[in-house]
Amino acid sequence: MTRYLTDDVPDDEVPETDDRDVTTLIPTAVDEVLATAETWLAWDGRPRYCDGNAWTPHKALRRVTDHLVDHLAEIECRLAGVATLPDRWHGRKLTLDSDAARFTEADLDEATSRLRRLALCYRARLATLPADVLDAPSDAWTLRQVVHHVANVTYYARMLGPLTP
């Protein structure tokens, strides 16, 4: 059986979909994340504890990036008809030493470039897929469900939230 990143998600967590244009979902989510991240230049170096985890600007942006990359790889593998590699990461439960680093304008600039490029990749790829491919039944979520799930990547930015000086 082919394994996908979404295989280990409980059935009650299957994302709801709607009629929004899938090509805009990820760019819109990235815009929201980056708008929040702009406030993180005021971060005082102390993690925020929310939803059972410690959150810092670097961790939130690392999780956003990882989530976008992981599911873009899943989409590409599924379209190519090959199995994805099982993930071995610890997700939001893991806080790295590097997550505690000072958050600077250069960090924000790098994250902005990286996330906007990933959003463009999603937009370009999804624009090539007709509705019947997006909604094709599979042994995992439909591709439309995957995209709606990924659009919730704003969760990671909300865990730290906007910061004020």
C-alpha atoms as a PDB file:
ATOM      1  CA  MET A   1       0.000   0.000   0.000  1.00  0.00           C
ATOM      2  CA  THR A   2       1.225   3.513  -0.773  1.00  0.00           C
ATOM      3  CA  ARG A   3       1.869   5.629   2.329  1.00  0.00           C
ATOM      4  CA  TYR A   4       1.129   9.338   2.512  1.00  0.00           C
ATOM      5  CA  LEU A   5       1.839  11.930   5.160  1.00  0.00           C
ATOM      6  CA  THR A   6      -1.879  12.100   5.861  1.00  0.00           C
ATOM      7  CA  ASP A   7      -2.248   8.365   6.538  1.00  0.00           C
ATOM      8  CA  ASP A   8      -1.623   8.692  10.274  1.00  0.00           C
ATOM      9  CA  VAL A   9      -4.191  11.444  10.859  1.00  0.00           C
ATOM     10  CA  PRO A  10      -7.348  10.302  12.667  1.00  0.00           C
ATOM     11  CA  ASP A  11     -10.519  10.252  10.543  1.00  0.00           C
ATOM     12  CA  ASP A  12     -12.158  12.919  12.719  1.00  0.00           C
ATOM     13  CA  GLU A  13      -9.395  15.333  11.703  1.00  0.00           C
ATOM     14  CA  VAL A  14     -10.053  15.109   7.981  1.00  0.00           C
ATOM     15  CA  PRO A  15     -10.127  18.713   6.778  1.00  0.00           C
ATOM     16  CA  GLU A  16     -13.314  20.242   5.508  1.00  0.00           C
ATOM     17  CA  THR A  17     -13.163  21.738   2.051  1.00  0.00           C
ATOM     18  CA  ASP A  18     -15.113  24.502   0.383  1.00  0.00           C
ATOM     19  CA  ASP A  19     -15.374  26.168  -2.993  1.00  0.00           C
ATOM     20  CA  ARG A  20     -12.460  28.586  -2.558  1.00  0.00           C
ATOM     21  CA  ASP A  21      -9.908  28.576  -5.362  1.00  0.00           C
ATOM     22  CA  VAL A  22      -7.217  26.145  -4.182  1.00  0.00           C
ATOM     23  CA  THR A  23      -4.528  28.155  -5.975  1.00  0.00           C
ATOM     24  CA  THR A  24      -5.066  31.036  -3.538  1.00  0.00           C
ATOM     25  CA  LEU A  25      -5.262  29.111  -0.251  1.00  0.00           C
ATOM     26  CA  ILE A  26      -1.541  28.678   0.423  1.00  0.00           C
ATOM     27  CA  PRO A  27      -0.449  32.160  -0.757  1.00  0.00           C
ATOM     28  CA  THR A  28      -3.152  33.678   1.463  1.00  0.00           C
ATOM     29  CA  ALA A  29      -2.009  31.593   4.441  1.00  0.00           C
ATOM     30  CA  VAL A  30       1.624  32.569   3.836  1.00  0.00           C
ATOM     31  CA  ASP A  31       0.633  36.242   3.700  1.00  0.00           C
ATOM     32  CA  GLU A  32      -1.100  35.859   7.072  1.00  0.00           C
ATOM     33  CA  VAL A  33       1.913  34.120   8.611  1.00  0.00           C
ATOM     34  CA  LEU A  34       4.312  36.776   7.324  1.00  0.00           C
ATOM     35  CA  ALA A  35       2.105  39.636   8.527  1.00  0.00           C
ATOM     36  CA  THR A  36       2.234  38.145  12.016  1.00  0.00           C
ATOM     37  CA  ALA A  37       5.966  37.416  11.723  1.00  0.00           C
ATOM     38  CA  GLU A  38       6.659  41.090  11.026  1.00  0.00           C
ATOM     39  CA  THR A  39       5.656  41.774  14.635  1.00  0.00           C
ATOM     40  CA  TRP A  40       8.134  39.228  15.942  1.00  0.00           C
ATOM     41  CA  LEU A  41      10.999  41.674  15.617  1.00  0.00           C
ATOM     42  CA  ALA A  42       9.731  42.818  19.034  1.00  0.00           C
ATOM     43  CA  TRP A  43      10.297  39.333  20.515  1.00  0.00           C
ATOM     44  CA  ASP A  44      11.925  39.538  23.952  1.00  0.00           C
ATOM     45  CA  GLY A  45      13.649  36.150  23.752  1.00  0.00           C
ATOM     46  CA  ARG A  46      11.192  34.306  25.985  1.00  0.00           C
ATOM     47  CA  PRO A  47       9.183  31.462  24.467  1.00  0.00           C
ATOM     48  CA  ARG A  48       5.424  31.501  24.710  1.00  0.00           C
ATOM     49  CA  TYR A  49       3.777  28.345  25.951  1.00  0.00           C
ATOM     50  CA  CYS A  50       0.628  27.424  24.116  1.00  0.00           C
ATOM     51  CA  ASP A  51      -1.127  24.198  23.177  1.00  0.00           C
ATOM     52  CA  GLY A  52       1.403  22.169  25.179  1.00  0.00           C
ATOM     53  CA  ASN A  53       4.471  23.501  23.372  1.00  0.00           C
ATOM     54  CA  ALA A  54       7.065  26.271  23.590  1.00  0.00           C
ATOM     55  CA  TRP A  55       6.887  28.751  20.708  1.00  0.00           C
ATOM     56  CA  THR A  56       9.478  31.168  19.363  1.00  0.00           C
ATOM     57  CA  PRO A  57       9.635  33.034  16.048  1.00  0.00           C
ATOM     58  CA  HIS A  58      12.192  30.617  14.631  1.00  0.00           C
ATOM     59  CA  LYS A  59      10.193  27.557  15.699  1.00  0.00           C
ATOM     60  CA  ALA A  60       6.946  28.898  14.259  1.00  0.00           C
ATOM     61  CA  LEU A  61       8.585  29.701  10.919  1.00  0.00           C
ATOM     62  CA  ARG A  62      10.431  26.378  10.880  1.00  0.00           C
ATOM     63  CA  ARG A  63       7.146  24.538  11.408  1.00  0.00           C
ATOM     64  CA  VAL A  64       5.408  26.564   8.675  1.00  0.00           C
ATOM     65  CA  THR A  65       8.232  25.828   6.244  1.00  0.00           C
ATOM     66  CA  ASP A  66       8.419  22.133   7.152  1.00  0.00           C
ATOM     67  CA  HIS A  67       4.670  21.739   6.787  1.00  0.00           C
ATOM     68  CA  LEU A  68       4.643  23.395   3.370  1.00  0.00           C
ATOM     69  CA  VAL A  69       7.606  21.363   2.118  1.00  0.00           C
ATOM     70  CA  ASP A  70       6.307  18.043   3.484  1.00  0.00           C
ATOM     71  CA  HIS A  71       2.890  18.334   1.893  1.00  0.00           C
ATOM     72  CA  LEU A  72       4.192  19.734  -1.387  1.00  0.00           C
ATOM     73  CA  ALA A  73       6.376  16.626  -1.567  1.00  0.00           C
ATOM     74  CA  GLU A  74       3.320  14.497  -0.779  1.00  0.00           C
ATOM     75  CA  ILE A  75       1.328  16.133  -3.581  1.00  0.00           C
ATOM     76  CA  GLU A  76       4.150  15.682  -6.081  1.00  0.00           C
ATOM     77  CA  CYS A  77       4.697  12.043  -5.122  1.00  0.00           C
ATOM     78  CA  ARG A  78       1.010  11.247  -5.329  1.00  0.00           C
ATOM     79  CA  LEU A  79       0.735  12.841  -8.762  1.00  0.00           C
ATOM     80  CA  ALA A  80       3.770  10.850  -9.883  1.00  0.00           C
ATOM     81  CA  GLY A  81       2.258   7.655  -8.468  1.00  0.00           C
ATOM     82  CA  VAL A  82       5.061   6.984  -6.009  1.00  0.00           C
ATOM     83  CA  ALA A  83       5.039   6.512  -2.261  1.00  0.00           C
ATOM     84  CA  THR A  84       6.138   9.352  -0.049  1.00  0.00           C
ATOM     85  CA  LEU A  85       8.875   8.803   2.467  1.00  0.00           C
ATOM     86  CA  PRO A  86       7.498   8.296   5.963  1.00  0.00           C
ATOM     87  CA  ASP A  87       8.257  11.328   8.075  1.00  0.00           C
ATOM     88  CA  ARG A  88      10.547  10.973  11.061  1.00  0.00           C
ATOM     89  CA  TRP A  89      10.274  14.494  12.420  1.00  0.00           C
ATOM     90  CA  HIS A  90       8.791  15.323  15.768  1.00  0.00           C
ATOM     91  CA  GLY A  91       6.654  18.201  14.566  1.00  0.00           C
ATOM     92  CA  ARG A  92       5.700  20.916  16.985  1.00  0.00           C
ATOM     93  CA  LYS A  93       6.708  18.837  20.018  1.00  0.00           C
ATOM     94  CA  LEU A  94      10.386  19.457  19.310  1.00  0.00           C
ATOM     95  CA  THR A  95      12.002  22.765  20.179  1.00  0.00           C
ATOM     96  CA  LEU A  96      15.568  23.078  18.901  1.00  0.00           C
ATOM     97  CA  ASP A  97      18.309  25.150  20.497  1.00  0.00           C
ATOM     98  CA  SER A  98      18.374  27.217  17.307  1.00  0.00           C
ATOM     99  CA  ASP A  99      14.707  28.103  17.867  1.00  0.00           C
ATOM    100  CA  ALA A 100      15.789  30.294  20.802  1.00  0.00           C
ATOM    101  CA  ALA A 101      18.045  32.499  18.646  1.00  0.00           C
ATOM    102  CA  ARG A 102      17.384  36.222  18.419  1.00  0.00           C
ATOM    103  CA  PHE A 103      14.900  37.049  15.628  1.00  0.00           C
ATOM    104  CA  THR A 104      16.209  39.756  13.317  1.00  0.00           C
ATOM    105  CA  GLU A 105      15.189  41.626  10.185  1.00  0.00           C
ATOM    106  CA  ALA A 106      17.509  39.322   8.215  1.00  0.00           C
ATOM    107  CA  ASP A 107      15.650  36.285   9.620  1.00  0.00           C
ATOM    108  CA  LEU A 108      12.332  37.808   8.593  1.00  0.00           C
ATOM    109  CA  ASP A 109      13.689  38.608   5.123  1.00  0.00           C
ATOM    110  CA  GLU A 110      14.951  35.035   4.637  1.00  0.00           C
ATOM    111  CA  ALA A 111      11.672  33.552   5.855  1.00  0.00           C
ATOM    112  CA  THR A 112       9.702  35.900   3.597  1.00  0.00           C
ATOM    113  CA  SER A 113      11.696  34.844   0.543  1.00  0.00           C
ATOM    114  CA  ARG A 114      11.462  31.158   1.383  1.00  0.00           C
ATOM    115  CA  LEU A 115       7.751  31.120   2.195  1.00  0.00           C
ATOM    116  CA  ARG A 116       6.745  33.239  -0.796  1.00  0.00           C
ATOM    117  CA  ARG A 117       8.664  30.872  -3.120  1.00  0.00           C
ATOM    118  CA  LEU A 118       6.914  27.865  -1.567  1.00  0.00           C
ATOM    119  CA  ALA A 119       3.532  29.584  -1.950  1.00  0.00           C
ATOM    120  CA  LEU A 120       4.346  30.219  -5.609  1.00  0.00           C
ATOM    121  CA  CYS A 121       5.188  26.517  -6.076  1.00  0.00           C
ATOM    122  CA  TYR A 122       1.801  25.555  -4.624  1.00  0.00           C
ATOM    123  CA  ARG A 123       0.005  28.096  -6.807  1.00  0.00           C
ATOM    124  CA  ALA A 124       1.805  26.907  -9.956  1.00  0.00           C
ATOM    125  CA  ARG A 125       1.265  23.208  -9.240  1.00  0.00           C
ATOM    126  CA  LEU A 126      -2.359  23.513  -8.208  1.00  0.00           C
ATOM    127  CA  ALA A 127      -3.208  25.641 -11.258  1.00  0.00           C
ATOM    128  CA  THR A 128      -2.392  22.603 -13.430  1.00  0.00           C
ATOM    129  CA  LEU A 129      -4.833  20.277 -11.667  1.00  0.00           C
ATOM    130  CA  PRO A 130      -8.431  19.908 -12.789  1.00  0.00           C
ATOM    131  CA  ALA A 131     -11.166  19.406 -10.188  1.00  0.00           C
ATOM    132  CA  ASP A 132     -11.456  15.691 -10.917  1.00  0.00           C
ATOM    133  CA  VAL A 133      -7.796  15.213  -9.957  1.00  0.00           C
ATOM    134  CA  LEU A 134      -8.125  17.394  -6.841  1.00  0.00           C
ATOM    135  CA  ASP A 135     -11.173  15.424  -5.727  1.00  0.00           C
ATOM    136  CA  ALA A 136     -10.141  11.928  -6.859  1.00  0.00           C
ATOM    137  CA  PRO A 137     -10.752   9.348  -4.153  1.00  0.00           C
ATOM    138  CA  SER A 138      -7.658   7.683  -2.762  1.00  0.00           C
ATOM    139  CA  ASP A 139      -6.571   5.659   0.235  1.00  0.00           C
ATOM    140  CA  ALA A 140      -5.681   8.989   1.902  1.00  0.00           C
ATOM    141  CA  TRP A 141      -7.145  12.484   1.803  1.00  0.00           C
ATOM    142  CA  THR A 142      -8.029  13.931  -1.567  1.00  0.00           C
ATOM    143  CA  LEU A 143      -5.546  16.479  -2.855  1.00  0.00           C
ATOM    144  CA  ARG A 144      -8.125  19.209  -2.196  1.00  0.00           C
ATOM    145  CA  GLN A 145      -8.292  18.077   1.436  1.00  0.00           C
ATOM    146  CA  VAL A 146      -4.492  18.151   1.660  1.00  0.00           C
ATOM    147  CA  VAL A 147      -4.431  21.732   0.366  1.00  0.00           C
ATOM    148  CA  HIS A 148      -7.119  22.839   2.824  1.00  0.00           C
ATOM    149  CA  HIS A 149      -5.146  21.155   5.611  1.00  0.00           C
ATOM    150  CA  VAL A 150      -1.956  22.939   4.569  1.00  0.00           C
ATOM    151  CA  ALA A 151      -3.786  26.272   4.480  1.00  0.00           C
ATOM    152  CA  ASN A 152      -4.156  25.884   8.251  1.00  0.00           C
ATOM    153  CA  VAL A 153      -0.401  26.382   8.512  1.00  0.00           C
ATOM    154  CA  THR A 154      -1.335  29.736  10.065  1.00  0.00           C
ATOM    155  CA  TYR A 155      -1.792  27.732  13.289  1.00  0.00           C
ATOM    156  CA  TYR A 156       1.940  27.917  13.952  1.00  0.00           C
ATOM    157  CA  ALA A 157       2.024  31.708  13.706  1.00  0.00           C
ATOM    158  CA  ARG A 158      -1.045  31.995  15.918  1.00  0.00           C
ATOM    159  CA  MET A 159       0.667  29.982  18.649  1.00  0.00           C
ATOM    160  CA  LEU A 160       3.178  32.800  19.104  1.00  0.00           C
ATOM    161  CA  GLY A 161       0.731  35.444  17.950  1.00  0.00           C
ATOM    162  CA  PRO A 162       1.420  39.057  17.097  1.00  0.00           C
ATOM    163  CA  LEU A 163       3.881  40.783  19.417  1.00  0.00           C
ATOM    164  CA  THR A 164       4.089  44.426  20.360  1.00  0.00           C
ATOM    165  CA  PRO A 165       7.184  46.310  21.549  1.00  0.00           C
END
